[in-house]
Amino acid sequence: MFGHHHQPAQATVLYIQDVTGILEDEHHVKMEFVLEIHPPDGQAFRAKTTHHFVRWRPYPQVGDVVNVKYHPTSRGVALELKDDNRYGEKGLKHQQHTQRQAAQARRDALLAAPPGTPPASATSAGDARLAELDPELQALMDLEEAERRAAQADGQP
């Protein structure tokens, strides 16, 4: 498609749609992207492209800035995600690592809390809105809550 005339650039994801066909295999999804491409030495332009992903793996979302290659004349665009730790297999491993770190932080907060302190739960009715937070942010919030409860138990305001 691009031959030797493709150029690297960065692009902002403006729109995503799942365009997986009925006859495509069940292990992959085909996503269509509308991108705003920002060539390093030229005028920004918008283009559409599709990319296949393994189902249930992270892929770019609206607002993400990604690497692309484009043809300066035809303005054909392709995503360049193989070295991006946010997506695909690397993204899944990074996400799992982050979740493990957050779980360890929650465990450490529970161990540091005084006896009788109820465990913080992101699934309780009062904390349901917290379930959507970034795992690292949730871990910090859990730690702060444990410290606050510990201070209250010691009679501090």
Foldseek 3Di string as FASTA:
>chain_A
DAPPQKDKWKKAWADKDWPADPPDDPQKTKMKTWIFTDGPPDDIDIDIDIDMAGPPKDDDDGGDMFMWIAHVPVRDIDGDCPPPCCTHPSNVVVLVVQLVVLVVLLVVLVVPADPPDDRDDCVDPVNVVVVPDRSVVSSVVSNVVSVVVRCVVVVHD
